[in-house]
Amino acid sequence: MAGAAHAQSTTDCAALAGMAIPDTNLLSATLVPERDGLPAHCRVLGYVRPAINFEIRLPTTGWNGKFYMVGCGGFCGQVLSERPNFTNAMNYGLRRGYAAATTDAGHWGTGSTDARWAWNNRQGEIDWGTRAIPEVTRVSRAVIAAFYTRGAERSYFAGCSTGGRQALMQAQRFPDDFDGIIAGSPALDYTGLVATFLAWTTQANTDAQGRPILTHARVPLISRAVTEACDATDGLRDGMVSNPRACQFDPATLQCPAGSSGEQCLSPAEVGVLRAWYRGPRNAAGQQLYPGGIPMGSEAFWPVWLTGSATAPAVNPLFALNFLRYMAFQEDPGENYQVSQFDMERDPARLAFMGALYNATSTDLSRFRARNARLIVYHGWADAIVTPERTVDWFEAATRAAGGREQMDQFARLFMIPGFDHCGLSPAGPGISETGFDPLTALENWVERGQPPASIPTTRQAEPRFSRPVCPWPQQARHQGGDAAVAESFACR
């Protein structure tokens, strides 16, 4: 019975290491005492051949009868079992009594932007692209059944960024694995995003000498101007651009008068970068190569993703460089390739081969729906790396494929979060961070109690503090009057 306490002995845990699971090596199984708010658990380490490393944590008492698996970010490459908070964090489930699992997605890397493992390594690319999550799911189910002498009654997956891509891959290609899936900020069109889009934004901000044109020093000026122009488009002036689609900010308003320069205006070249970033990639004929551009209202997060800061380089160009060198093409160009070499006329079409391995762009969720599973997708309107328009476009197309909004609402809902950074990783912007909402409870209520989420509560825990609902697309939280810091003053419209 779910929620029942299952006492396990040291022998029970240690014995798991001797299990025989096809194509799998179990390396160790160790009891870990209660610590740092985590329950005592059996920690199982192993790998699925040839190189998909994983960790499974099994609560020794108080197991809730369920399984919780998380994805990984970027190019993965590490078993990050101690990730804090919610994003790709297995302990989020373990604290709630779940048996939990995570994986490195089939290779080792020094960090989330390290793609050297993929150089001429098609098996590694297949594991990262499609194989790692279903394989670790298979092994986790076997280990759970052995430890508790019965299988998990419910199974959930949650992932953000690459983890969000993995989540949608499960719903599209492996729909029998999970009863409920949470896909956050999904990099669902990986080749279109990390090759075409990030190459475009990198090229747009590189001068003839290879130096950045727009730097972090200009970001506060741009952020203030965009917020001033677009903050009130949702009817509430709260320091946040809630709907970038309604923002009509013109970068030319910041251009210095001819023959002048200064800290409070931009050069023509800097204005050109903004135009290119906000517009998104196009070829010489003006055709859009990837939906939308950098969303207006994301400027507070640009020092992380686009411009770099005084102490760290920008992340987006690093992703683009390593992906193009080692992962994007059928034949890897290798370590001498530069982002400047990506040709917007010729190269987007060359991405199709690897896109078939990586991309979770299918709009057919019929098998997932047929088994009565549920899907929650969330994305931030202020995401400056996995930009939000591609997710909205996919969800709209999947809605049409499902037969319309009423049919889609029965099993899948999208939540667009204003002022929310990529996966909510930064608390520095105007909206909530990843600690400010709980999609897992919403998913549990939907799967186990038949209660679809009419909204999900969110709380900003930094100053200025506020709470408000985030609404299922295409609804938005509208201020109805009263104290704008409390959720009761908003309604989904």
Protein backbone atom coordinates (compact mmCIF):
# COMPACT_ATOMS: atom_id res chain seq x y z
CA MET A 1 0.00 0.00 0.00
CA ALA A 2 1.43 3.43 -0.97
CA GLY A 3 2.71 5.39 1.99
CA ALA A 4 3.39 2.32 4.10
CA ALA A 5 6.73 2.10 5.91
CA HIS A 6 9.06 -0.60 4.67
CA ALA A 7 11.93 -1.39 7.04
CA GLN A 8 14.90 -2.87 5.23
CA SER A 9 18.00 -4.52 6.62
CA THR A 10 21.63 -3.85 5.77
CA THR A 11 21.70 -7.26 4.11
CA ASP A 12 18.74 -6.35 1.89
CA CYS A 13 20.51 -3.26 0.61
CA ALA A 14 23.93 -4.84 0.14
CA ALA A 15 22.40 -7.78 -1.68
CA LEU A 16 21.19 -5.51 -4.49
CA ALA A 17 24.75 -5.23 -5.80
CA GLY A 18 24.61 -8.90 -6.69
CA MET A 19 21.47 -8.65 -8.81
CA ALA A 20 21.65 -9.85 -12.39
CA ILE A 21 20.01 -7.28 -14.71
CA PRO A 22 20.55 -7.63 -18.46
CA ASP A 23 23.20 -5.32 -19.96
CA THR A 24 23.79 -3.75 -16.56
CA ASN A 25 26.64 -3.69 -14.05
CA LEU A 26 25.69 -2.89 -10.46
CA LEU A 27 28.78 -1.55 -8.74
CA SER A 28 27.65 -1.03 -5.14
CA ALA A 29 24.67 -0.87 -2.82
CA THR A 30 25.23 0.95 0.47
CA LEU A 31 23.06 2.08 3.36
CA VAL A 32 23.23 5.84 3.91
CA PRO A 33 21.98 7.17 7.27
CA GLU A 34 19.53 10.04 7.60
CA ARG A 35 21.30 13.36 6.95
CA ASP A 36 20.71 16.94 5.84
CA GLY A 37 16.95 16.47 5.70
CA LEU A 38 17.23 13.32 3.59
CA PRO A 39 15.79 10.05 4.87
CA ALA A 40 17.97 7.00 5.39
CA HIS A 41 18.26 5.21 2.07
CA CYS A 42 19.95 2.47 0.11
CA ARG A 43 22.29 4.03 -2.47
CA VAL A 44 22.78 1.94 -5.60
CA LEU A 45 25.45 2.81 -8.16
CA GLY A 46 25.91 1.16 -11.53
CA TYR A 47 25.89 1.56 -15.27
CA VAL A 48 23.99 0.29 -18.28
CA ARG A 49 26.44 -0.86 -20.91
CA PRO A 50 28.41 0.63 -22.41
CA ALA A 51 28.54 3.79 -20.26
CA ILE A 52 25.20 5.06 -18.88
CA ASN A 53 26.06 5.66 -15.23
CA PHE A 54 23.24 6.05 -12.75
CA GLU A 55 22.39 6.37 -9.08
CA ILE A 56 19.24 5.06 -7.41
CA ARG A 57 18.19 6.02 -3.88
CA LEU A 58 15.68 3.85 -2.04
CA PRO A 59 14.20 5.11 1.25
CA THR A 60 14.60 2.41 3.91
CA THR A 61 11.41 3.50 5.69
CA GLY A 62 8.41 5.53 4.63
CA TRP A 63 8.56 4.66 0.94
CA ASN A 64 5.50 6.18 -0.71
CA GLY A 65 5.22 3.33 -3.20
CA LYS A 66 6.32 5.51 -6.14
CA PHE A 67 9.30 6.13 -8.43
CA TYR A 68 10.73 9.55 -9.33
CA MET A 69 13.35 10.02 -12.01
CA VAL A 70 15.00 13.27 -13.07
CA GLY A 71 16.76 14.46 -16.19
CA CYS A 72 20.04 16.31 -16.56
CA GLY A 73 21.08 19.68 -17.95
CA GLY A 74 23.13 20.76 -20.94
CA PHE A 75 25.28 17.98 -22.32
CA CYS A 76 25.02 16.17 -18.95
CA GLY A 77 28.14 14.08 -18.25
CA GLN A 78 27.93 13.75 -14.47
CA VAL A 79 25.70 11.92 -12.00
CA LEU A 80 24.59 15.00 -10.06
CA SER A 81 22.77 13.23 -7.26
CA GLU A 82 23.18 16.13 -4.81
CA ARG A 83 21.64 18.86 -6.98
CA PRO A 84 19.66 21.20 -4.69
CA ASN A 85 16.13 22.57 -5.06
CA PHE A 86 13.86 21.21 -7.82
CA THR A 87 15.59 21.38 -11.21
CA ASN A 88 16.88 17.93 -12.23
CA ALA A 89 17.23 17.12 -8.51
CA MET A 90 16.54 13.54 -7.41
CA ASN A 91 16.52 14.49 -3.72
CA TYR A 92 13.39 16.56 -4.32
CA GLY A 93 11.59 13.25 -4.73
CA LEU A 94 13.58 11.36 -2.10
CA ARG A 95 12.53 13.85 0.59
CA ARG A 96 8.91 13.12 -0.27
CA GLY A 97 9.35 9.37 0.12
CA TYR A 98 10.01 8.44 -3.51
CA ALA A 99 12.53 5.94 -4.74
CA ALA A 100 14.58 8.26 -6.95
CA ALA A 101 17.09 7.97 -9.80
CA THR A 102 19.36 10.11 -11.95
CA THR A 103 21.95 9.54 -14.68
CA ASP A 104 24.88 11.12 -16.53
CA ALA A 105 23.12 10.27 -19.85
CA GLY A 106 25.88 7.95 -21.01
CA HIS A 107 29.23 9.71 -20.78
CA TRP A 108 31.59 11.70 -18.58
CA GLY A 109 32.22 15.42 -19.06
CA THR A 110 33.80 18.24 -17.09
CA GLY A 111 30.61 20.31 -17.11
CA SER A 112 27.34 20.94 -18.89
CA THR A 113 28.97 22.66 -21.90
CA ASP A 114 31.66 19.97 -22.44
CA ALA A 115 30.85 18.00 -25.62
CA ARG A 116 34.25 16.46 -26.35
CA TRP A 117 32.87 13.04 -25.38
CA ALA A 118 30.74 13.10 -28.55
CA TRP A 119 33.64 13.45 -31.00
CA ASN A 120 33.22 10.50 -33.39
CA ASN A 121 31.20 8.71 -30.70
CA ARG A 122 27.84 7.81 -32.25
CA GLN A 123 26.92 5.44 -29.42
CA GLY A 124 27.46 8.20 -26.90
CA GLU A 125 25.27 10.53 -28.95
CA ILE A 126 22.53 7.89 -29.15
CA ASP A 127 22.70 7.33 -25.39
CA TRP A 128 22.49 11.07 -24.66
CA GLY A 129 19.84 11.64 -27.30
CA THR A 130 17.34 8.83 -26.74
CA ARG A 131 18.58 5.78 -24.84
CA ALA A 132 19.75 6.78 -21.37
CA ILE A 133 16.42 7.63 -19.71
CA PRO A 134 14.42 4.53 -20.78
CA GLU A 135 17.37 2.26 -19.96
CA VAL A 136 17.88 3.67 -16.45
CA THR A 137 14.11 3.53 -15.97
CA ARG A 138 14.17 -0.18 -16.80
CA VAL A 139 16.96 -0.87 -14.32
CA SER A 140 15.39 1.31 -11.62
CA ARG A 141 12.12 -0.61 -11.84
CA ALA A 142 13.97 -3.90 -11.37
CA VAL A 143 15.95 -2.61 -8.38
CA ILE A 144 12.84 -1.13 -6.75
CA ALA A 145 10.91 -4.38 -7.15
CA ALA A 146 13.77 -6.37 -5.62
CA PHE A 147 14.27 -4.04 -2.65
CA TYR A 148 10.61 -3.58 -1.70
CA THR A 149 9.42 -6.98 -3.03
CA ARG A 150 6.89 -5.15 -5.20
CA GLY A 151 7.00 -2.65 -8.03
CA ALA A 152 6.28 1.05 -7.90
CA GLU A 153 2.59 1.88 -8.12
CA ARG A 154 3.21 5.20 -9.88
CA SER A 155 6.19 6.55 -11.81
CA TYR A 156 7.03 10.20 -12.49
CA PHE A 157 9.71 11.97 -14.52
CA ALA A 158 10.79 15.59 -14.13
CA GLY A 159 13.47 17.38 -16.12
CA CYS A 160 14.40 20.88 -17.21
CA SER A 161 16.36 22.16 -20.23
CA THR A 162 17.97 19.03 -21.70
CA GLY A 163 15.97 17.29 -18.96
CA GLY A 164 12.86 18.91 -20.45
CA ARG A 165 13.83 17.51 -23.84
CA GLN A 166 14.27 14.10 -22.23
CA ALA A 167 10.83 14.49 -20.65
CA LEU A 168 9.12 15.17 -23.98
CA MET A 169 11.14 12.37 -25.60
CA GLN A 170 9.63 10.00 -23.04
CA ALA A 171 6.09 11.20 -23.75
CA GLN A 172 6.59 10.93 -27.51
CA ARG A 173 8.74 7.81 -27.97
CA PHE A 174 8.55 5.88 -24.68
CA PRO A 175 5.05 6.67 -23.41
CA ASP A 176 4.72 3.53 -21.28
CA ASP A 177 7.51 4.46 -18.87
CA PHE A 178 5.83 7.14 -16.73
CA ASP A 179 2.35 7.97 -15.44
CA GLY A 180 3.19 11.65 -15.18
CA ILE A 181 5.86 13.84 -16.75
CA ILE A 182 7.08 17.36 -16.01
CA ALA A 183 8.94 19.04 -18.89
CA GLY A 184 10.56 22.32 -17.89
CA SER A 185 12.08 24.84 -20.32
CA PRO A 186 12.40 22.00 -22.83
CA ALA A 187 15.22 22.22 -25.37
CA LEU A 188 13.01 20.12 -27.61
CA ASP A 189 14.51 21.25 -30.94
CA TYR A 190 18.14 20.85 -29.92
CA THR A 191 19.70 21.24 -33.33
CA GLY A 192 17.59 24.28 -34.23
CA LEU A 193 18.33 25.88 -30.87
CA VAL A 194 21.94 25.09 -30.03
CA ALA A 195 23.26 25.14 -33.59
CA THR A 196 21.21 27.62 -35.64
CA PHE A 197 19.81 29.93 -32.94
CA LEU A 198 22.86 30.14 -30.67
CA ALA A 199 25.19 30.46 -33.66
CA TRP A 200 23.04 33.39 -34.83
CA THR A 201 23.14 35.21 -31.49
CA THR A 202 26.89 34.57 -31.17
CA GLN A 203 27.69 35.77 -34.68
CA ALA A 204 25.50 38.85 -34.21
CA ASN A 205 27.57 39.92 -31.20
CA THR A 206 31.02 39.33 -32.69
CA ASP A 207 32.95 42.06 -34.51
CA ALA A 208 35.49 41.64 -37.32
CA GLN A 209 38.26 41.11 -34.77
CA GLY A 210 36.32 38.38 -32.96
CA ARG A 211 35.44 40.58 -29.98
CA PRO A 212 31.97 40.98 -28.42
CA ILE A 213 30.11 44.09 -29.52
CA LEU A 214 27.55 44.34 -26.73
CA THR A 215 28.95 43.76 -23.23
CA HIS A 216 27.47 43.33 -19.77
CA ALA A 217 28.10 47.00 -19.01
CA ARG A 218 25.24 47.91 -21.37
CA VAL A 219 22.71 45.49 -19.93
CA PRO A 220 21.30 47.70 -17.12
CA LEU A 221 20.53 50.49 -19.61
CA ILE A 222 18.75 48.09 -21.96
CA SER A 223 16.88 46.33 -19.16
CA ARG A 224 15.53 49.62 -17.76
CA ALA A 225 14.39 50.78 -21.19
CA VAL A 226 12.58 47.54 -22.03
CA THR A 227 10.90 47.38 -18.63
CA GLU A 228 9.79 51.00 -18.88
CA ALA A 229 8.34 50.41 -22.34
CA CYS A 230 6.58 47.11 -21.67
CA ASP A 231 6.01 46.57 -17.95
CA ALA A 232 2.42 47.85 -18.01
CA THR A 233 1.25 45.97 -21.13
CA ASP A 234 -0.47 43.41 -18.86
CA GLY A 235 -2.31 46.13 -16.95
CA LEU A 236 0.00 46.05 -13.91
CA ARG A 237 3.25 47.93 -13.40
CA ASP A 238 5.30 45.50 -11.30
CA GLY A 239 8.81 45.66 -12.74
CA MET A 240 8.22 42.61 -14.94
CA VAL A 241 7.43 42.09 -18.63
CA SER A 242 4.70 39.49 -18.28
CA ASN A 243 4.01 39.03 -22.00
CA PRO A 244 6.99 39.66 -24.32
CA ARG A 245 4.72 39.13 -27.34
CA ALA A 246 2.95 42.38 -26.51
CA CYS A 247 6.20 44.33 -26.08
CA GLN A 248 6.85 46.84 -28.89
CA PHE A 249 10.21 48.18 -27.67
CA ASP A 250 12.37 49.61 -30.48
CA PRO A 251 16.15 49.35 -29.86
CA ALA A 252 16.66 52.45 -32.00
CA THR A 253 15.28 54.56 -29.14
CA LEU A 254 18.55 53.90 -27.32
CA GLN A 255 20.87 54.85 -30.18
CA CYS A 256 23.20 57.79 -29.57
CA PRO A 257 22.63 60.88 -31.72
CA ALA A 258 24.88 61.01 -34.77
CA GLY A 259 28.42 61.96 -33.88
CA SER A 260 27.99 61.36 -30.14
CA SER A 261 28.46 58.53 -27.63
CA GLY A 262 27.90 57.97 -23.95
CA GLU A 263 26.94 55.60 -21.17
CA GLN A 264 23.24 56.34 -21.57
CA CYS A 265 22.96 55.43 -25.24
CA LEU A 266 24.11 52.73 -27.65
CA SER A 267 26.28 52.73 -30.74
CA PRO A 268 24.72 51.73 -34.09
CA ALA A 269 26.56 48.41 -33.86
CA GLU A 270 25.12 47.71 -30.40
CA VAL A 271 21.63 48.56 -31.64
CA GLY A 272 22.23 46.13 -34.50
CA VAL A 273 23.01 43.36 -32.01
CA LEU A 274 19.76 44.02 -30.17
CA ARG A 275 17.75 43.95 -33.37
CA ALA A 276 19.30 40.62 -34.37
CA TRP A 277 18.81 39.09 -30.92
CA TYR A 278 15.18 40.12 -30.57
CA ARG A 279 14.38 39.15 -34.19
CA GLY A 280 15.97 35.70 -34.21
CA PRO A 281 17.83 33.85 -36.99
CA ARG A 282 16.99 34.45 -40.63
CA ASN A 283 18.58 33.58 -43.92
CA ALA A 284 19.35 35.99 -46.72
CA ALA A 285 15.80 35.68 -48.06
CA GLY A 286 14.40 36.77 -44.70
CA GLN A 287 13.00 33.36 -43.77
CA GLN A 288 12.85 32.68 -40.02
CA LEU A 289 15.11 29.72 -39.23
CA TYR A 290 14.00 29.22 -35.60
CA PRO A 291 10.85 30.57 -33.92
CA GLY A 292 11.19 33.98 -32.28
CA GLY A 293 14.24 35.60 -30.77
CA ILE A 294 15.61 36.51 -27.36
CA PRO A 295 12.48 37.46 -25.38
CA MET A 296 12.07 41.05 -24.26
CA GLY A 297 12.07 41.11 -20.48
CA SER A 298 14.94 38.60 -20.19
CA GLU A 299 17.65 41.27 -20.04
CA ALA A 300 18.35 40.84 -16.31
CA PHE A 301 19.73 37.39 -17.11
CA TRP A 302 21.88 38.31 -20.12
CA PRO A 303 25.17 38.47 -18.16
CA VAL A 304 24.79 34.71 -17.56
CA TRP A 305 23.71 33.66 -21.03
CA LEU A 306 24.52 36.27 -23.68
CA THR A 307 27.04 38.94 -22.70
CA GLY A 308 29.05 37.34 -19.93
CA SER A 309 29.89 39.23 -16.76
CA ALA A 310 33.00 40.77 -15.25
CA THR A 311 33.94 37.37 -13.83
CA ALA A 312 32.56 34.74 -16.23
CA PRO A 313 32.08 34.24 -19.98
CA ALA A 314 28.63 33.96 -21.53
CA VAL A 315 27.23 30.43 -21.54
CA ASN A 316 25.32 30.49 -24.85
CA PRO A 317 28.41 30.86 -27.09
CA LEU A 318 30.12 27.99 -25.25
CA PHE A 319 27.17 25.71 -25.91
CA ALA A 320 27.10 26.70 -29.57
CA LEU A 321 30.85 26.20 -30.05
CA ASN A 322 31.02 22.74 -28.47
CA PHE A 323 27.79 21.51 -30.03
CA LEU A 324 28.89 22.54 -33.51
CA ARG A 325 32.34 21.01 -33.07
CA TYR A 326 31.28 17.63 -31.73
CA MET A 327 27.51 16.98 -31.84
CA ALA A 328 25.57 18.89 -34.49
CA PHE A 329 26.63 17.25 -37.74
CA GLN A 330 26.71 13.69 -39.01
CA GLU A 331 30.49 14.05 -39.38
CA ASP A 332 32.08 16.09 -36.58
CA PRO A 333 34.22 19.01 -37.82
CA GLY A 334 36.24 18.85 -34.59
CA GLU A 335 38.18 21.15 -32.35
CA ASN A 336 39.27 23.72 -34.95
CA TYR A 337 35.73 24.64 -35.98
CA GLN A 338 34.50 28.12 -35.02
CA VAL A 339 30.94 29.43 -34.61
CA SER A 340 31.68 32.02 -37.29
CA GLN A 341 31.84 29.17 -39.84
CA PHE A 342 28.18 28.21 -39.39
CA ASP A 343 26.41 29.19 -42.62
CA MET A 344 22.77 30.26 -42.19
CA GLU A 345 22.09 29.45 -45.85
CA ARG A 346 23.58 25.98 -46.00
CA ASP A 347 24.04 24.50 -42.55
CA PRO A 348 20.55 24.36 -40.98
CA ALA A 349 19.59 21.64 -43.48
CA ARG A 350 22.70 19.66 -42.55
CA LEU A 351 21.41 19.24 -38.98
CA ALA A 352 18.63 16.80 -39.88
CA PHE A 353 20.61 13.59 -39.34
CA MET A 354 21.53 14.36 -35.75
CA GLY A 355 18.17 16.01 -35.14
CA ALA A 356 16.55 12.61 -35.61
CA LEU A 357 18.53 11.41 -32.57
CA TYR A 358 18.16 14.47 -30.38
CA ASN A 359 14.95 16.33 -31.09
CA ALA A 360 11.68 15.78 -29.23
CA THR A 361 9.56 17.69 -31.73
CA SER A 362 6.87 15.13 -32.57
CA THR A 363 3.36 16.42 -31.93
CA ASP A 364 1.90 12.92 -31.69
CA LEU A 365 1.13 12.21 -28.03
CA SER A 366 -1.63 9.72 -28.78
CA ARG A 367 0.02 6.71 -27.11
CA PHE A 368 0.84 8.75 -24.00
CA ARG A 369 -2.75 9.98 -23.85
CA ALA A 370 -4.17 6.49 -24.47
CA ARG A 371 -2.57 5.11 -21.30
CA ASN A 372 -4.15 7.93 -19.26
CA ALA A 373 -0.81 9.58 -18.45
CA ARG A 374 -0.46 13.31 -17.72
CA LEU A 375 2.00 15.99 -18.89
CA ILE A 376 2.85 19.37 -17.36
CA VAL A 377 5.11 21.64 -19.42
CA TYR A 378 6.46 24.91 -18.00
CA HIS A 379 8.65 27.59 -19.51
CA GLY A 380 9.81 31.07 -18.50
CA TRP A 381 8.98 34.08 -20.62
CA ALA A 382 12.41 35.47 -19.60
CA ASP A 383 14.46 32.46 -20.76
CA ALA A 384 17.42 33.78 -22.76
CA ILE A 385 18.96 30.43 -23.74
CA VAL A 386 16.10 27.99 -24.41
CA THR A 387 13.85 30.72 -25.72
CA PRO A 388 10.12 30.21 -25.15
CA GLU A 389 8.51 30.63 -28.57
CA ARG A 390 9.55 27.16 -29.79
CA THR A 391 7.79 25.57 -26.81
CA VAL A 392 4.61 27.57 -27.43
CA ASP A 393 4.69 26.67 -31.13
CA TRP A 394 5.16 22.97 -30.34
CA PHE A 395 2.37 22.96 -27.78
CA GLU A 396 -0.03 24.65 -30.18
CA ALA A 397 0.83 22.12 -32.89
CA ALA A 398 0.43 19.22 -30.44
CA THR A 399 -2.93 20.68 -29.39
CA ARG A 400 -4.14 20.68 -33.00
CA ALA A 401 -2.88 17.11 -33.41
CA ALA A 402 -4.81 16.07 -30.27
CA GLY A 403 -8.05 17.45 -31.71
CA GLY A 404 -8.14 20.88 -30.07
CA ARG A 405 -7.82 22.65 -26.75
CA GLU A 406 -10.51 20.68 -24.94
CA GLN A 407 -8.89 17.36 -25.82
CA MET A 408 -5.37 18.56 -24.99
CA ASP A 409 -6.50 19.94 -21.63
CA GLN A 410 -7.53 16.46 -20.60
CA PHE A 411 -3.93 15.23 -20.42
CA ALA A 412 -1.41 18.01 -21.14
CA ARG A 413 -1.07 21.63 -20.00
CA LEU A 414 1.53 24.33 -20.59
CA PHE A 415 2.38 26.98 -17.99
CA MET A 416 4.23 30.10 -19.18
CA ILE A 417 5.85 31.88 -16.22
CA PRO A 418 6.47 35.65 -16.42
CA GLY A 419 9.92 36.91 -15.41
CA PHE A 420 11.20 33.33 -15.04
CA ASP A 421 14.82 32.63 -16.02
CA HIS A 422 15.97 29.40 -17.67
CA CYS A 423 14.64 26.67 -15.35
CA GLY A 424 14.34 29.38 -12.69
CA LEU A 425 18.01 28.89 -11.87
CA SER A 426 18.67 32.54 -11.04
CA PRO A 427 16.86 34.37 -8.22
CA ALA A 428 18.20 37.72 -9.45
CA GLY A 429 15.42 38.66 -11.88
CA PRO A 430 11.95 40.14 -11.43
CA GLY A 431 10.02 36.85 -11.23
CA ILE A 432 10.11 33.67 -9.20
CA SER A 433 12.96 31.15 -9.14
CA GLU A 434 12.83 27.34 -9.15
CA THR A 435 12.13 27.35 -5.39
CA GLY A 436 8.96 29.36 -5.91
CA PHE A 437 6.62 26.70 -7.27
CA ASP A 438 5.81 23.01 -6.99
CA PRO A 439 4.70 21.33 -10.23
CA LEU A 440 5.13 17.85 -8.73
CA THR A 441 2.22 18.28 -6.33
CA ALA A 442 0.11 19.58 -9.20
CA LEU A 443 1.02 16.51 -11.26
CA GLU A 444 0.34 14.09 -8.40
CA ASN A 445 -3.10 15.60 -7.86
CA TRP A 446 -3.86 15.26 -11.56
CA VAL A 447 -2.61 11.67 -11.95
CA GLU A 448 -3.75 10.24 -8.62
CA ARG A 449 -6.84 12.27 -7.79
CA GLY A 450 -8.11 13.34 -11.20
CA GLN A 451 -7.68 17.04 -10.35
CA PRO A 452 -6.28 18.92 -13.38
CA PRO A 453 -4.31 22.05 -12.47
CA ALA A 454 -6.47 25.13 -13.14
CA SER A 455 -3.40 27.09 -12.00
CA ILE A 456 -0.18 26.49 -10.07
CA PRO A 457 0.63 28.72 -7.08
CA THR A 458 3.95 30.59 -7.24
CA THR A 459 5.82 32.62 -4.64
CA ARG A 460 8.68 35.04 -5.04
CA GLN A 461 10.85 34.52 -1.98
CA ALA A 462 13.24 37.45 -2.56
CA GLU A 463 12.31 41.11 -2.30
CA PRO A 464 9.91 42.34 -3.49
CA ARG A 465 7.97 39.33 -2.29
CA PHE A 466 4.72 38.30 -3.92
CA SER A 467 2.51 35.32 -4.67
CA ARG A 468 0.33 34.78 -7.71
CA PRO A 469 -1.02 31.96 -9.85
CA VAL A 470 0.57 30.82 -13.08
CA CYS A 471 -2.11 29.80 -15.55
CA PRO A 472 -2.45 27.09 -18.20
CA TRP A 473 -1.75 28.39 -21.69
CA PRO A 474 -3.19 30.45 -23.30
CA GLN A 475 -4.57 32.04 -20.11
CA GLN A 476 -2.64 34.68 -18.17
CA ALA A 477 -2.87 35.80 -14.56
CA ARG A 478 -4.70 39.14 -14.66
CA HIS A 479 -4.73 41.61 -11.78
CA GLN A 480 -8.30 42.12 -10.59
CA GLY A 481 -7.56 44.94 -8.17
CA GLY A 482 -6.34 44.94 -4.59
CA ASP A 483 -2.92 44.07 -3.21
CA ALA A 484 -0.74 43.00 -6.14
CA ALA A 485 1.53 41.05 -3.77
CA VAL A 486 -1.09 38.39 -3.00
CA ALA A 487 -2.41 35.68 -5.27
CA GLU A 488 -6.05 36.38 -4.41
CA SER A 489 -5.82 39.60 -6.42
CA PHE A 490 -5.27 37.67 -9.66
CA ALA A 491 -7.42 35.46 -11.85
CA CYS A 492 -6.66 33.36 -14.91
CA ARG A 493 -8.16 34.97 -17.99
